């Protein structure tokens, strides 16, 4: 089965997030010099990676003129006055 670029990006993001969760847990448990900065970096990355993926999906949809899950506000038709009979 052939994977699309969106599917590949999503799989990479899932793997990266799982790694970040494990790394954050390990850094929180262990105490070594600089662990506080590494812990903060892990937390920022855990929040930043999904945001970057969302931006990627939105840009992909805009550049290819396709609808993606990142489209929060689908284009709607202009609201016109009610038709008179």
C-alpha atoms as a PDB file:
ATOM      1  CA  UNK A   1       0.000   0.000   0.000  1.00  0.00           C
ATOM      2  CA  UNK A   2       1.454   3.360  -1.058  1.00  0.00           C
ATOM      3  CA  UNK A   3       1.632   6.078   1.585  1.00  0.00           C
ATOM      4  CA  UNK A   4       0.795   9.681   0.788  1.00  0.00           C
ATOM      5  CA  UNK A   5       2.989  12.551   2.048  1.00  0.00           C
ATOM      6  CA  UNK A   6       0.313  13.393   4.637  1.00  0.00           C
ATOM      7  CA  UNK A   7       0.329   9.839   5.972  1.00  0.00           C
ATOM      8  CA  UNK A   8       4.116   9.761   6.136  1.00  0.00           C
ATOM      9  CA  UNK A   9       4.165  13.092   8.010  1.00  0.00           C
ATOM     10  CA  UNK A  10       1.527  11.829  10.440  1.00  0.00           C
ATOM     11  CA  UNK A  11       3.451   8.605  11.124  1.00  0.00           C
ATOM     12  CA  UNK A  12       6.670  10.546  11.697  1.00  0.00           C
ATOM     13  CA  UNK A  13       4.828  12.903  14.055  1.00  0.00           C
ATOM     14  CA  UNK A  14       3.358  10.013  16.041  1.00  0.00           C
ATOM     15  CA  UNK A  15       6.771   8.374  16.416  1.00  0.00           C
ATOM     16  CA  UNK A  16       8.369  11.688  17.379  1.00  0.00           C
ATOM     17  CA  UNK A  17       5.669  12.427  19.959  1.00  0.00           C
ATOM     18  CA  UNK A  18       6.026   8.967  21.503  1.00  0.00           C
ATOM     19  CA  UNK A  19       9.786   9.484  21.714  1.00  0.00           C
ATOM     20  CA  UNK A  20       9.278  12.921  23.291  1.00  0.00           C
ATOM     21  CA  UNK A  21       6.885  11.516  25.916  1.00  0.00           C
ATOM     22  CA  UNK A  22       9.375   8.818  26.879  1.00  0.00           C
ATOM     23  CA  UNK A  23      12.279  11.283  26.876  1.00  0.00           C
ATOM     24  CA  UNK A  24      10.319  13.722  29.044  1.00  0.00           C
ATOM     25  CA  UNK A  25       9.542  10.956  31.533  1.00  0.00           C
ATOM     26  CA  UNK A  26      13.158   9.765  31.667  1.00  0.00           C
ATOM     27  CA  UNK A  27      14.510  13.314  32.081  1.00  0.00           C
ATOM     28  CA  UNK A  28      11.951  14.004  34.833  1.00  0.00           C
ATOM     29  CA  UNK A  29      13.009  10.894  36.737  1.00  0.00           C
ATOM     30  CA  UNK A  30      16.783  11.266  36.336  1.00  0.00           C
ATOM     31  CA  UNK A  31      18.724  14.076  37.945  1.00  0.00           C
ATOM     32  CA  UNK A  32      21.833  15.230  36.121  1.00  0.00           C
ATOM     33  CA  UNK A  33      23.338  18.646  35.319  1.00  0.00           C
ATOM     34  CA  UNK A  34      21.211  20.436  32.750  1.00  0.00           C
ATOM     35  CA  UNK A  35      18.202  18.153  33.152  1.00  0.00           C
ATOM     36  CA  UNK A  36      15.968  21.123  33.966  1.00  0.00           C
ATOM     37  CA  UNK A  37      16.691  22.746  30.585  1.00  0.00           C
ATOM     38  CA  UNK A  38      16.303  19.435  28.761  1.00  0.00           C
ATOM     39  CA  UNK A  39      12.978  18.825  30.516  1.00  0.00           C
ATOM     40  CA  UNK A  40      11.726  22.268  29.461  1.00  0.00           C
ATOM     41  CA  UNK A  41      12.861  21.619  25.878  1.00  0.00           C
ATOM     42  CA  UNK A  42      11.001  18.294  25.835  1.00  0.00           C
ATOM     43  CA  UNK A  43       7.807  19.975  27.038  1.00  0.00           C
ATOM     44  CA  UNK A  44       8.085  22.740  24.442  1.00  0.00           C
ATOM     45  CA  UNK A  45       8.707  20.187  21.677  1.00  0.00           C
ATOM     46  CA  UNK A  46       5.735  18.097  22.847  1.00  0.00           C
ATOM     47  CA  UNK A  47       3.511  21.129  22.313  1.00  0.00           C
ATOM     48  CA  UNK A  48       5.304  22.443  19.225  1.00  0.00           C
ATOM     49  CA  UNK A  49       5.388  19.284  17.085  1.00  0.00           C
ATOM     50  CA  UNK A  50       1.587  18.921  16.773  1.00  0.00           C
ATOM     51  CA  UNK A  51       1.276  22.640  16.040  1.00  0.00           C
ATOM     52  CA  UNK A  52       3.895  22.393  13.291  1.00  0.00           C
ATOM     53  CA  UNK A  53       2.126  19.343  11.826  1.00  0.00           C
ATOM     54  CA  UNK A  54      -1.169  21.257  11.829  1.00  0.00           C
ATOM     55  CA  UNK A  55       0.518  24.153  10.000  1.00  0.00           C
ATOM     56  CA  UNK A  56       2.024  21.703   7.498  1.00  0.00           C
ATOM     57  CA  UNK A  57      -1.388  20.174   6.798  1.00  0.00           C
ATOM     58  CA  UNK A  58      -2.990  23.592   6.392  1.00  0.00           C
ATOM     59  CA  UNK A  59      -0.283  24.749   3.968  1.00  0.00           C
ATOM     60  CA  UNK A  60      -0.471  21.460   2.056  1.00  0.00           C
ATOM     61  CA  UNK A  61      -4.207  21.933   1.644  1.00  0.00           C
ATOM     62  CA  UNK A  62      -3.841  25.537   0.484  1.00  0.00           C
ATOM     63  CA  UNK A  63      -1.045  24.777  -1.997  1.00  0.00           C
ATOM     64  CA  UNK A  64      -2.819  21.775  -3.526  1.00  0.00           C
ATOM     65  CA  UNK A  65      -6.342  23.257  -3.268  1.00  0.00           C
ATOM     66  CA  UNK A  66      -7.514  20.205  -1.348  1.00  0.00           C
ATOM     67  CA  UNK A  67      -9.573  20.049   1.808  1.00  0.00           C
ATOM     68  CA  UNK A  68      -7.694  18.762   4.831  1.00  0.00           C
ATOM     69  CA  UNK A  69      -8.532  18.199   8.446  1.00  0.00           C
ATOM     70  CA  UNK A  70      -6.677  21.452   9.175  1.00  0.00           C
ATOM     71  CA  UNK A  71      -9.441  23.488   7.505  1.00  0.00           C
ATOM     72  CA  UNK A  72     -11.169  24.972  10.524  1.00  0.00           C
ATOM     73  CA  UNK A  73     -13.464  27.245   8.596  1.00  0.00           C
ATOM     74  CA  UNK A  74     -14.569  25.765   5.287  1.00  0.00           C
ATOM     75  CA  UNK A  75     -15.335  28.251   2.587  1.00  0.00           C
ATOM     76  CA  UNK A  76     -19.011  29.065   2.627  1.00  0.00           C
ATOM     77  CA  UNK A  77     -21.209  30.656   0.056  1.00  0.00           C
ATOM     78  CA  UNK A  78     -21.965  34.309   0.492  1.00  0.00           C
ATOM     79  CA  UNK A  79     -25.074  34.971   2.475  1.00  0.00           C
ATOM     80  CA  UNK A  80     -27.587  36.616   0.250  1.00  0.00           C
ATOM     81  CA  UNK A  81     -30.900  38.258   0.961  1.00  0.00           C
ATOM     82  CA  UNK A  82     -33.898  35.928   0.978  1.00  0.00           C
ATOM     83  CA  UNK A  83     -35.540  35.532  -2.408  1.00  0.00           C
ATOM     84  CA  UNK A  84     -38.860  37.258  -2.791  1.00  0.00           C
ATOM     85  CA  UNK A  85     -41.745  35.342  -4.329  1.00  0.00           C
END
